Amino acid sequence: MRDYREEIQVVGLGSVDTSGHIEDFISYHGLSDVPTVIDVDGDLRASIGIPGHPAWALIDEDGAARLALGTVYRPTLIRAIEELISG
């Protein structure tokens, strides 16, 4: 599988929960190396256009978001990342 670390930055967005629950989730799933924005009130999530979760938002260098709502399987996510990278 291709390694995208040089081309994309993954950032977690924990929202609509308490910061303690979000931090517990990060710890439990071993995500401490993933930068995470705590968005307890959901304002950032709403500004991106994410109505619920789970969801993925791929945001290009110009700030335009491409959304995928619900569970996203690996092939779909890889295809979306490659489309974003290729422009």
C-alpha atoms as a PDB file:
ATOM      1  CA  MET A   1       0.000   0.000   0.000  1.00  0.00           C
ATOM      2  CA  ARG A   2       1.193   3.506  -0.793  1.00  0.00           C
ATOM      3  CA  ASP A   3       2.399   5.711   2.056  1.00  0.00           C
ATOM      4  CA  TYR A   4       0.764   9.168   1.965  1.00  0.00           C
ATOM      5  CA  ARG A   5       2.624  10.765   4.894  1.00  0.00           C
ATOM      6  CA  GLU A   6       4.577  13.130   2.655  1.00  0.00           C
ATOM      7  CA  GLU A   7       1.432  14.333   0.889  1.00  0.00           C
ATOM      8  CA  ILE A   8      -1.308  14.599   3.507  1.00  0.00           C
ATOM      9  CA  GLN A   9      -1.751  15.536   7.140  1.00  0.00           C
ATOM     10  CA  VAL A  10      -4.244  13.571   9.235  1.00  0.00           C
ATOM     11  CA  VAL A  11      -5.948  15.520  12.007  1.00  0.00           C
ATOM     12  CA  GLY A  12      -8.588  14.141  14.341  1.00  0.00           C
ATOM     13  CA  LEU A  13     -11.660  16.164  15.226  1.00  0.00           C
ATOM     14  CA  GLY A  14     -13.300  15.233  18.496  1.00  0.00           C
ATOM     15  CA  SER A  15     -16.649  16.929  18.805  1.00  0.00           C
ATOM     16  CA  VAL A  16     -20.021  16.931  20.507  1.00  0.00           C
ATOM     17  CA  ASP A  17     -18.708  15.233  23.626  1.00  0.00           C
ATOM     18  CA  THR A  18     -16.721  16.218  26.683  1.00  0.00           C
ATOM     19  CA  SER A  19     -13.008  16.751  26.256  1.00  0.00           C
ATOM     20  CA  GLY A  20     -12.434  13.974  28.816  1.00  0.00           C
ATOM     21  CA  HIS A  21     -14.366  11.440  26.726  1.00  0.00           C
ATOM     22  CA  ILE A  22     -12.492  12.505  23.595  1.00  0.00           C
ATOM     23  CA  GLU A  23      -9.145  12.142  25.364  1.00  0.00           C
ATOM     24  CA  ASP A  24     -10.191   8.685  26.648  1.00  0.00           C
ATOM     25  CA  PHE A  25     -11.120   7.665  23.071  1.00  0.00           C
ATOM     26  CA  ILE A  26      -7.731   8.845  21.783  1.00  0.00           C
ATOM     27  CA  SER A  27      -5.908   6.924  24.503  1.00  0.00           C
ATOM     28  CA  TYR A  28      -7.981   3.735  24.128  1.00  0.00           C
ATOM     29  CA  HIS A  29      -7.486   3.583  20.356  1.00  0.00           C
ATOM     30  CA  GLY A  30      -3.791   4.502  20.457  1.00  0.00           C
ATOM     31  CA  LEU A  31      -4.240   7.744  18.547  1.00  0.00           C
ATOM     32  CA  SER A  32      -1.986   9.941  20.666  1.00  0.00           C
ATOM     33  CA  ASP A  33       0.335  10.524  17.696  1.00  0.00           C
ATOM     34  CA  VAL A  34      -2.541  11.990  15.625  1.00  0.00           C
ATOM     35  CA  PRO A  35      -2.998  15.741  16.147  1.00  0.00           C
ATOM     36  CA  THR A  36      -6.550  16.241  17.375  1.00  0.00           C
ATOM     37  CA  VAL A  37      -8.736  19.324  17.581  1.00  0.00           C
ATOM     38  CA  ILE A  38     -11.195  19.268  20.471  1.00  0.00           C
ATOM     39  CA  ASP A  39     -14.480  20.777  19.233  1.00  0.00           C
ATOM     40  CA  VAL A  40     -16.829  20.105  22.153  1.00  0.00           C
ATOM     41  CA  ASP A  41     -19.509  22.560  21.015  1.00  0.00           C
ATOM     42  CA  GLY A  42     -19.420  21.264  17.397  1.00  0.00           C
ATOM     43  CA  ASP A  43     -18.890  24.682  15.794  1.00  0.00           C
ATOM     44  CA  LEU A  44     -15.892  23.601  13.704  1.00  0.00           C
ATOM     45  CA  ARG A  45     -17.650  20.405  12.627  1.00  0.00           C
ATOM     46  CA  ALA A  46     -20.681  22.435  11.546  1.00  0.00           C
ATOM     47  CA  SER A  47     -18.536  24.987   9.676  1.00  0.00           C
ATOM     48  CA  ILE A  48     -16.993  22.172   7.618  1.00  0.00           C
ATOM     49  CA  GLY A  49     -20.480  20.820   6.925  1.00  0.00           C
ATOM     50  CA  ILE A  50     -20.320  17.554   8.835  1.00  0.00           C
ATOM     51  CA  PRO A  51     -23.848  16.830  10.128  1.00  0.00           C
ATOM     52  CA  GLY A  52     -22.914  13.775  12.220  1.00  0.00           C
ATOM     53  CA  HIS A  53     -20.383  11.045  12.626  1.00  0.00           C
ATOM     54  CA  PRO A  54     -18.581   8.943  11.783  1.00  0.00           C
ATOM     55  CA  ALA A  55     -17.375  11.077   8.904  1.00  0.00           C
ATOM     56  CA  TRP A  56     -14.256  11.993   6.999  1.00  0.00           C
ATOM     57  CA  ALA A  57     -13.517  15.473   5.705  1.00  0.00           C
ATOM     58  CA  LEU A  58     -10.711  15.767   3.197  1.00  0.00           C
ATOM     59  CA  ILE A  59      -9.716  19.408   3.055  1.00  0.00           C
ATOM     60  CA  ASP A  60      -7.489  20.584   0.236  1.00  0.00           C
ATOM     61  CA  GLU A  61      -4.788  23.234   0.450  1.00  0.00           C
ATOM     62  CA  ASP A  62      -7.335  25.907  -0.515  1.00  0.00           C
ATOM     63  CA  GLY A  63      -9.616  24.937   2.380  1.00  0.00           C
ATOM     64  CA  ALA A  64     -12.309  23.252   0.271  1.00  0.00           C
ATOM     65  CA  ALA A  65     -13.781  20.209   2.011  1.00  0.00           C
ATOM     66  CA  ARG A  66     -14.874  16.980   0.400  1.00  0.00           C
ATOM     67  CA  LEU A  67     -17.056  15.026   2.785  1.00  0.00           C
ATOM     68  CA  ALA A  68     -17.681  11.342   3.223  1.00  0.00           C
ATOM     69  CA  LEU A  69     -20.350  10.563   5.780  1.00  0.00           C
ATOM     70  CA  GLY A  70     -20.847   7.334   7.661  1.00  0.00           C
ATOM     71  CA  THR A  71     -18.417   4.459   7.775  1.00  0.00           C
ATOM     72  CA  VAL A  72     -15.830   4.801   5.036  1.00  0.00           C
ATOM     73  CA  TYR A  73     -14.033   1.682   3.945  1.00  0.00           C
ATOM     74  CA  ARG A  74     -10.330   1.675   3.078  1.00  0.00           C
ATOM     75  CA  PRO A  75     -10.675   1.494  -0.760  1.00  0.00           C
ATOM     76  CA  THR A  76     -13.085   4.449  -0.747  1.00  0.00           C
ATOM     77  CA  LEU A  77     -10.815   6.498   1.504  1.00  0.00           C
ATOM     78  CA  ILE A  78      -7.717   5.721  -0.589  1.00  0.00           C
ATOM     79  CA  ARG A  79      -9.542   6.704  -3.782  1.00  0.00           C
ATOM     80  CA  ALA A  80     -10.667   9.994  -2.179  1.00  0.00           C
ATOM     81  CA  ILE A  81      -7.126  10.756  -0.974  1.00  0.00           C
ATOM     82  CA  GLU A  82      -5.658  10.042  -4.399  1.00  0.00           C
ATOM     83  CA  GLU A  83      -8.257  12.286  -6.063  1.00  0.00           C
ATOM     84  CA  LEU A  84      -7.442  15.072  -3.616  1.00  0.00           C
ATOM     85  CA  ILE A  85      -3.687  14.736  -4.215  1.00  0.00           C
ATOM     86  CA  SER A  86      -4.016  14.621  -7.994  1.00  0.00           C
ATOM     87  CA  GLY A  87      -6.104  17.783  -8.011  1.00  0.00           C
END
